[in-house]
Amino acid sequence: MPLPPRDVAAPPRQAPGRPPTVRPGGRRTARRREALAGYLFIAPALIGFVCFVLGPLITAFVISLTRYDILTPPRFVGLANYRRMLSDERLTRSYLNTLVYVVAAVVLMNLLALLLAVLLNRPLPRPVTYVLRSAYFFPSLVGLVYVSTIWQAFFQKDTGIVNYYLSLVGIPGPNWLNSPTMSLSTVVIVDVWRNVGFGMLILLAALQDVPKELEESARVDGAGAFAVFRHVTLPAISPALFFSITMTVIGAFQIYESVVVLTNGGPGDSTRSVVMYLAEVGFQRFDMGYASAIAVTLFAVIAVLTGVQFWLRTRWVHHD
């Protein structure tokens, strides 16, 4: 005789409008999976940073505490290389040249980039806009060595095209590449010409994102063109301008190729940069300990200046 069926308790009904109940163990598992996926996504960048940035930086600092000429084992000398830097007149001159270049290049690059971006942001026929934007940005895509080689031919005193056109208007052409007073200016001109297009593109993109309603409201209230740009447009693009300034400062401190091609650091040491002097010490004299000390101090200078820029950012950069 078959047994009567048992009463099976039905699962509790979920109240309408409430999310399904999740067990604490399931939540922990989901969080672990999300964390693992995040770690996997950042792993390539993290590995690259450790292998190509943090690792070489730590190695350079360790070598800077030694006397090492590649041919013999390194010998620990403590802070002797750093004390030596205080009496190195050529290093002092290289730092002064680099600082002059950084100030001139950063100011000129960002001012010209802002001016070009404002001009290209005006209503123009679309083909004209594309042509001008490409023409200004194209030099930044060309290798700095090739650009410097071409400009070296342009700036020759007797056969250069620059002095030729100056002579047509009655101006005697200076000795652009071999004059202690003009050679550093020549390097600045070439680097600004080559890199201004990159800043222009960044600022132009920021200008195109400025709400037109804000500018129209300022004009309705009676503000002139300069007042609108000063109080509305410039604060709106300040994050992009901050990015452009920060990147140009970091890049300017690492100037090397254009100096080597244009002047080779001369005449004398009038255009020698810190990176160029570092390469000379490390790869011509094989004084790797001293070269590493110079590299560490240059990294510290760039890091401090970048930190100062981020600290000052709160006073003039607007994120509204």
Protein backbone atom coordinates (compact mmCIF):
# COMPACT_ATOMS: atom_id res chain seq x y z
CA MET A 1 0.00 0.00 0.00
CA PRO A 2 1.62 3.29 -1.04
CA LEU A 3 2.54 5.78 1.67
CA PRO A 4 0.84 9.20 1.64
CA PRO A 5 3.03 11.98 0.23
CA ARG A 6 4.92 14.10 2.74
CA ASP A 7 4.29 17.80 3.07
CA VAL A 8 7.32 19.57 1.64
CA ALA A 9 7.82 23.01 3.10
CA ALA A 10 7.85 25.64 0.36
CA PRO A 11 10.82 28.08 0.34
CA PRO A 12 10.06 31.39 1.99
CA ARG A 13 8.75 33.93 -0.42
CA GLN A 14 10.82 37.06 -0.97
CA ALA A 15 8.96 40.19 -0.10
CA PRO A 16 8.06 42.13 -3.24
CA GLY A 17 10.38 45.00 -4.06
CA ARG A 18 13.33 43.66 -2.02
CA PRO A 19 16.59 42.35 -3.58
CA PRO A 20 17.35 38.67 -3.19
CA THR A 21 19.23 37.72 -0.07
CA VAL A 22 22.95 37.10 -0.61
CA ARG A 23 24.92 35.03 1.82
CA PRO A 24 27.96 36.68 3.45
CA GLY A 25 30.22 34.03 1.97
CA GLY A 26 28.94 34.80 -1.52
CA ARG A 27 29.63 38.49 -1.07
CA ARG A 28 33.22 37.82 -0.02
CA THR A 29 33.71 35.57 -3.05
CA ALA A 30 32.35 38.22 -5.41
CA ARG A 31 34.60 40.87 -3.89
CA ARG A 32 37.62 38.62 -4.24
CA ARG A 33 36.83 38.00 -7.89
CA GLU A 34 36.44 41.73 -8.53
CA ALA A 35 39.72 42.45 -6.73
CA LEU A 36 41.48 39.71 -8.69
CA ALA A 37 40.16 41.10 -11.98
CA GLY A 38 41.36 44.59 -11.00
CA TYR A 39 44.83 43.29 -10.10
CA LEU A 40 45.04 41.44 -13.42
CA PHE A 41 44.14 44.60 -15.33
CA ILE A 42 46.80 46.73 -13.60
CA ALA A 43 49.42 43.96 -13.56
CA PRO A 44 51.07 44.88 -16.92
CA ALA A 45 51.44 48.54 -15.92
CA LEU A 46 52.62 47.60 -12.43
CA ILE A 47 55.19 45.12 -13.75
CA GLY A 48 56.43 47.66 -16.28
CA PHE A 49 56.75 50.32 -13.58
CA VAL A 50 58.72 48.01 -11.29
CA CYS A 51 61.01 46.73 -14.07
CA PHE A 52 61.65 49.95 -15.97
CA VAL A 53 61.17 52.74 -13.40
CA LEU A 54 61.39 51.68 -9.77
CA GLY A 55 64.02 49.00 -10.29
CA PRO A 56 66.45 51.19 -12.30
CA LEU A 57 65.90 54.05 -9.84
CA ILE A 58 66.84 51.92 -6.85
CA THR A 59 69.81 50.49 -8.77
CA ALA A 60 71.00 53.99 -9.70
CA PHE A 61 70.82 55.09 -6.08
CA VAL A 62 72.81 52.06 -4.93
CA ILE A 63 75.46 52.62 -7.62
CA SER A 64 75.64 56.32 -6.69
CA LEU A 65 77.05 55.25 -3.32
CA THR A 66 79.95 53.44 -4.99
CA ARG A 67 82.96 54.08 -7.18
CA TYR A 68 82.31 52.00 -10.27
CA ASP A 69 83.99 52.13 -13.67
CA ILE A 70 82.33 49.03 -15.22
CA LEU A 71 85.72 47.27 -15.56
CA THR A 72 86.25 46.69 -11.84
CA PRO A 73 83.80 45.70 -9.09
CA PRO A 74 82.02 48.64 -7.41
CA ARG A 75 83.55 49.93 -4.18
CA PHE A 76 81.35 51.57 -1.55
CA VAL A 77 82.26 55.23 -0.95
CA GLY A 78 79.12 56.51 0.79
CA LEU A 79 78.14 60.08 -0.07
CA ALA A 80 81.48 60.94 -1.71
CA ASN A 81 79.89 61.28 -5.17
CA TYR A 82 77.29 63.70 -3.83
CA ARG A 83 79.95 65.80 -2.07
CA ARG A 84 81.90 65.84 -5.31
CA MET A 85 78.95 67.40 -7.09
CA LEU A 86 79.15 70.49 -4.88
CA SER A 87 82.55 71.41 -6.33
CA ASP A 88 81.89 70.40 -9.96
CA GLU A 89 81.77 73.67 -11.91
CA ARG A 90 80.77 71.98 -15.17
CA LEU A 91 77.78 70.37 -13.48
CA THR A 92 76.78 73.74 -12.04
CA ARG A 93 76.98 75.30 -15.50
CA SER A 94 74.95 72.42 -16.95
CA TYR A 95 72.23 72.95 -14.35
CA LEU A 96 72.14 76.69 -15.06
CA ASN A 97 71.84 76.04 -18.80
CA THR A 98 69.06 73.55 -18.17
CA LEU A 99 67.15 75.91 -15.89
CA VAL A 100 67.37 78.73 -18.45
CA TYR A 101 66.14 76.37 -21.13
CA VAL A 102 63.30 75.05 -18.95
CA VAL A 103 61.99 78.53 -18.14
CA ALA A 104 62.22 79.80 -21.73
CA ALA A 105 60.85 76.64 -23.34
CA VAL A 106 57.96 76.14 -20.91
CA VAL A 107 56.81 79.77 -21.15
CA LEU A 108 57.09 79.97 -24.93
CA MET A 109 55.62 76.53 -25.61
CA ASN A 110 52.52 77.06 -23.51
CA LEU A 111 51.90 80.66 -24.56
CA LEU A 112 52.22 79.81 -28.26
CA ALA A 113 50.17 76.63 -27.80
CA LEU A 114 47.41 78.65 -26.12
CA LEU A 115 47.52 81.31 -28.84
CA LEU A 116 47.33 78.73 -31.65
CA ALA A 117 44.52 76.87 -29.87
CA VAL A 118 42.49 80.08 -29.52
CA LEU A 119 43.00 80.94 -33.18
CA LEU A 120 42.01 77.46 -34.35
CA ASN A 121 38.95 77.50 -32.08
CA ARG A 122 37.46 80.35 -34.09
CA PRO A 123 34.82 79.63 -36.76
CA LEU A 124 36.77 78.52 -39.82
CA PRO A 125 35.96 76.30 -42.79
CA ARG A 126 36.39 72.69 -41.74
CA PRO A 127 39.08 71.85 -44.37
CA VAL A 128 41.12 74.88 -43.26
CA THR A 129 40.85 73.78 -39.63
CA TYR A 130 42.01 70.25 -40.47
CA VAL A 131 44.96 71.49 -42.53
CA LEU A 132 46.16 73.98 -39.91
CA ARG A 133 45.72 71.53 -37.05
CA SER A 134 47.70 68.87 -38.89
CA ALA A 135 50.42 71.34 -39.91
CA TYR A 136 50.98 72.52 -36.33
CA PHE A 137 50.87 69.02 -34.83
CA PHE A 138 52.94 67.19 -37.45
CA PRO A 139 56.43 68.31 -36.19
CA SER A 140 55.80 66.63 -32.83
CA LEU A 141 55.46 63.30 -34.66
CA VAL A 142 58.91 63.60 -36.25
CA GLY A 143 61.95 62.36 -34.35
CA LEU A 144 63.84 65.13 -32.58
CA VAL A 145 67.13 64.01 -34.13
CA TYR A 146 65.77 64.48 -37.66
CA VAL A 147 64.23 67.84 -36.77
CA SER A 148 67.49 69.04 -35.22
CA THR A 149 69.50 67.91 -38.26
CA ILE A 150 67.27 69.90 -40.60
CA TRP A 151 67.38 73.01 -38.43
CA GLN A 152 71.14 72.71 -38.08
CA ALA A 153 71.36 73.19 -41.85
CA PHE A 154 68.93 76.11 -41.68
CA PHE A 155 70.98 77.89 -38.98
CA GLN A 156 74.40 77.68 -40.65
CA LYS A 157 76.05 81.09 -40.60
CA ASP A 158 77.16 81.32 -44.25
CA THR A 159 74.98 78.79 -46.07
CA GLY A 160 71.88 78.61 -43.88
CA ILE A 161 68.51 79.63 -45.21
CA VAL A 162 67.67 81.68 -42.08
CA ASN A 163 70.61 84.05 -42.52
CA TYR A 164 69.92 84.21 -46.25
CA TYR A 165 66.43 85.64 -45.74
CA LEU A 166 67.71 87.96 -43.00
CA SER A 167 70.28 89.33 -45.47
CA LEU A 168 67.48 90.11 -47.94
CA VAL A 169 66.03 92.63 -45.48
CA GLY A 170 69.42 94.04 -44.52
CA ILE A 171 69.90 92.21 -41.21
CA PRO A 172 73.30 90.57 -40.67
CA GLY A 173 72.72 86.96 -39.69
CA PRO A 174 74.19 85.94 -36.33
CA ASN A 175 76.26 82.86 -35.68
CA TRP A 176 73.35 80.80 -34.42
CA LEU A 177 75.23 77.61 -33.53
CA ASN A 178 78.68 78.78 -32.42
CA SER A 179 77.93 81.91 -30.41
CA PRO A 180 77.90 81.68 -26.58
CA THR A 181 75.02 84.17 -26.51
CA MET A 182 72.90 82.72 -29.34
CA SER A 183 73.42 78.97 -29.24
CA LEU A 184 71.09 78.29 -26.29
CA SER A 185 68.40 80.45 -27.90
CA THR A 186 68.75 78.35 -31.04
CA VAL A 187 68.09 75.18 -29.07
CA VAL A 188 65.01 76.78 -27.50
CA ILE A 189 63.67 77.85 -30.90
CA VAL A 190 64.01 74.36 -32.37
CA ASP A 191 62.44 72.59 -29.41
CA VAL A 192 59.55 75.04 -29.19
CA TRP A 193 58.86 74.69 -32.91
CA ARG A 194 58.86 70.92 -32.62
CA ASN A 195 56.74 70.53 -29.45
CA VAL A 196 54.26 73.40 -29.53
CA GLY A 197 51.79 71.39 -31.60
CA PHE A 198 51.28 68.85 -28.84
CA GLY A 199 50.26 71.51 -26.33
CA MET A 200 48.11 73.19 -28.96
CA LEU A 201 46.13 69.99 -29.52
CA ILE A 202 45.51 69.51 -25.78
CA LEU A 203 44.37 73.09 -25.24
CA LEU A 204 42.25 73.09 -28.39
CA ALA A 205 40.37 70.02 -27.14
CA ALA A 206 39.81 71.79 -23.81
CA LEU A 207 38.56 74.95 -25.53
CA GLN A 208 36.04 72.97 -27.54
CA ASP A 209 34.61 71.55 -24.30
CA VAL A 210 34.01 74.97 -22.70
CA PRO A 211 30.23 75.47 -22.33
CA LYS A 212 29.19 78.14 -24.80
CA GLU A 213 26.35 79.17 -22.48
CA LEU A 214 28.83 80.52 -19.93
CA GLU A 215 30.59 82.68 -22.49
CA GLU A 216 27.28 83.94 -23.90
CA SER A 217 26.03 84.80 -20.42
CA ALA A 218 29.19 86.79 -19.72
CA ARG A 219 28.78 88.71 -22.98
CA VAL A 220 25.14 89.46 -22.18
CA ASP A 221 26.26 90.87 -18.84
CA GLY A 222 28.52 93.29 -20.71
CA ALA A 223 31.91 91.55 -20.43
CA GLY A 224 34.37 92.20 -23.24
CA ALA A 225 36.25 89.55 -25.19
CA PHE A 226 39.31 89.71 -22.95
CA ALA A 227 37.21 89.62 -19.76
CA VAL A 228 35.31 86.58 -21.04
CA PHE A 229 38.56 84.79 -21.82
CA ARG A 230 40.15 85.79 -18.51
CA HIS A 231 37.25 84.97 -16.18
CA VAL A 232 35.36 82.24 -18.04
CA THR A 233 37.43 80.47 -20.70
CA LEU A 234 40.80 80.35 -18.93
CA PRO A 235 39.44 78.87 -15.66
CA ALA A 236 37.53 76.29 -17.69
CA ILE A 237 40.66 75.07 -19.50
CA SER A 238 42.97 75.38 -16.47
CA PRO A 239 43.17 71.57 -15.90
CA ALA A 240 44.40 71.07 -19.48
CA LEU A 241 46.81 73.99 -19.12
CA PHE A 242 48.14 72.51 -15.87
CA PHE A 243 48.72 69.17 -17.61
CA SER A 244 50.54 70.86 -20.50
CA ILE A 245 52.79 72.89 -18.17
CA THR A 246 53.63 69.87 -16.02
CA MET A 247 54.54 67.70 -19.02
CA THR A 248 56.66 70.41 -20.65
CA VAL A 249 58.58 71.01 -17.41
CA ILE A 250 59.37 67.32 -17.02
CA GLY A 251 60.37 67.00 -20.67
CA ALA A 252 62.46 70.17 -20.69
CA PHE A 253 64.66 68.96 -17.85
CA GLN A 254 65.51 65.88 -19.94
CA ILE A 255 66.62 67.75 -23.07
CA TYR A 256 69.41 65.87 -24.82
CA GLU A 257 69.05 65.04 -28.54
CA SER A 258 68.63 68.56 -29.89
CA VAL A 259 71.65 69.84 -27.95
CA VAL A 260 73.85 67.01 -29.22
CA VAL A 261 72.84 67.52 -32.85
CA LEU A 262 72.75 71.33 -32.95
CA THR A 263 75.72 72.41 -30.81
CA ASN A 264 77.15 69.31 -29.11
CA GLY A 265 77.05 71.29 -25.89
CA GLY A 266 79.22 74.11 -27.22
CA PRO A 267 80.72 76.49 -27.67
CA GLY A 268 82.48 75.44 -24.51
CA ASP A 269 79.72 74.36 -22.13
CA SER A 270 77.32 77.17 -23.00
CA THR A 271 74.54 74.78 -24.09
CA ARG A 272 75.45 71.59 -22.25
CA SER A 273 72.45 70.17 -20.40
CA VAL A 274 72.45 68.02 -17.27
CA VAL A 275 71.47 64.88 -19.20
CA MET A 276 74.21 65.51 -21.75
CA TYR A 277 76.80 65.95 -19.00
CA LEU A 278 75.47 62.81 -17.29
CA ALA A 279 75.94 60.83 -20.51
CA GLU A 280 79.46 62.18 -20.90
CA VAL A 281 80.44 61.17 -17.36
CA GLY A 282 78.86 57.74 -17.59
CA PHE A 283 79.63 56.61 -21.14
CA GLN A 284 82.82 58.48 -22.01
CA ARG A 285 84.61 58.54 -18.66
CA PHE A 286 82.90 55.32 -17.42
CA ASP A 287 82.44 56.94 -14.01
CA MET A 288 79.12 55.23 -13.39
CA GLY A 289 78.99 56.01 -9.68
CA TYR A 290 79.20 59.76 -10.23
CA ALA A 291 76.84 59.59 -13.23
CA SER A 292 74.29 57.73 -11.11
CA ALA A 293 74.55 60.41 -8.42
CA ILE A 294 73.82 63.08 -11.05
CA ALA A 295 70.84 61.04 -12.29
CA VAL A 296 69.45 60.69 -8.76
CA THR A 297 69.72 64.43 -8.08
CA LEU A 298 68.07 65.24 -11.42
CA PHE A 299 65.23 62.89 -10.55
CA ALA A 300 64.90 64.60 -7.16
CA VAL A 301 64.78 68.06 -8.76
CA ILE A 302 62.06 67.00 -11.22
CA ALA A 303 60.08 65.26 -8.46
CA VAL A 304 60.25 68.31 -6.16
CA LEU A 305 59.22 70.74 -8.90
CA THR A 306 56.37 68.46 -9.95
CA GLY A 307 55.23 68.26 -6.33
CA VAL A 308 55.33 72.06 -6.06
CA GLN A 309 53.20 72.34 -9.20
CA PHE A 310 50.62 69.96 -7.75
CA TRP A 311 50.64 71.94 -4.49
CA LEU A 312 50.07 75.22 -6.35
CA ARG A 313 47.39 73.62 -8.50
CA THR A 314 44.71 74.21 -5.87
CA ARG A 315 45.24 77.98 -6.19
CA TRP A 316 44.61 78.38 -9.90
CA VAL A 317 43.18 75.17 -11.38
CA HIS A 318 39.37 74.95 -11.40
CA HIS A 319 37.56 71.63 -11.72
CA ASP A 320 33.96 72.90 -11.76
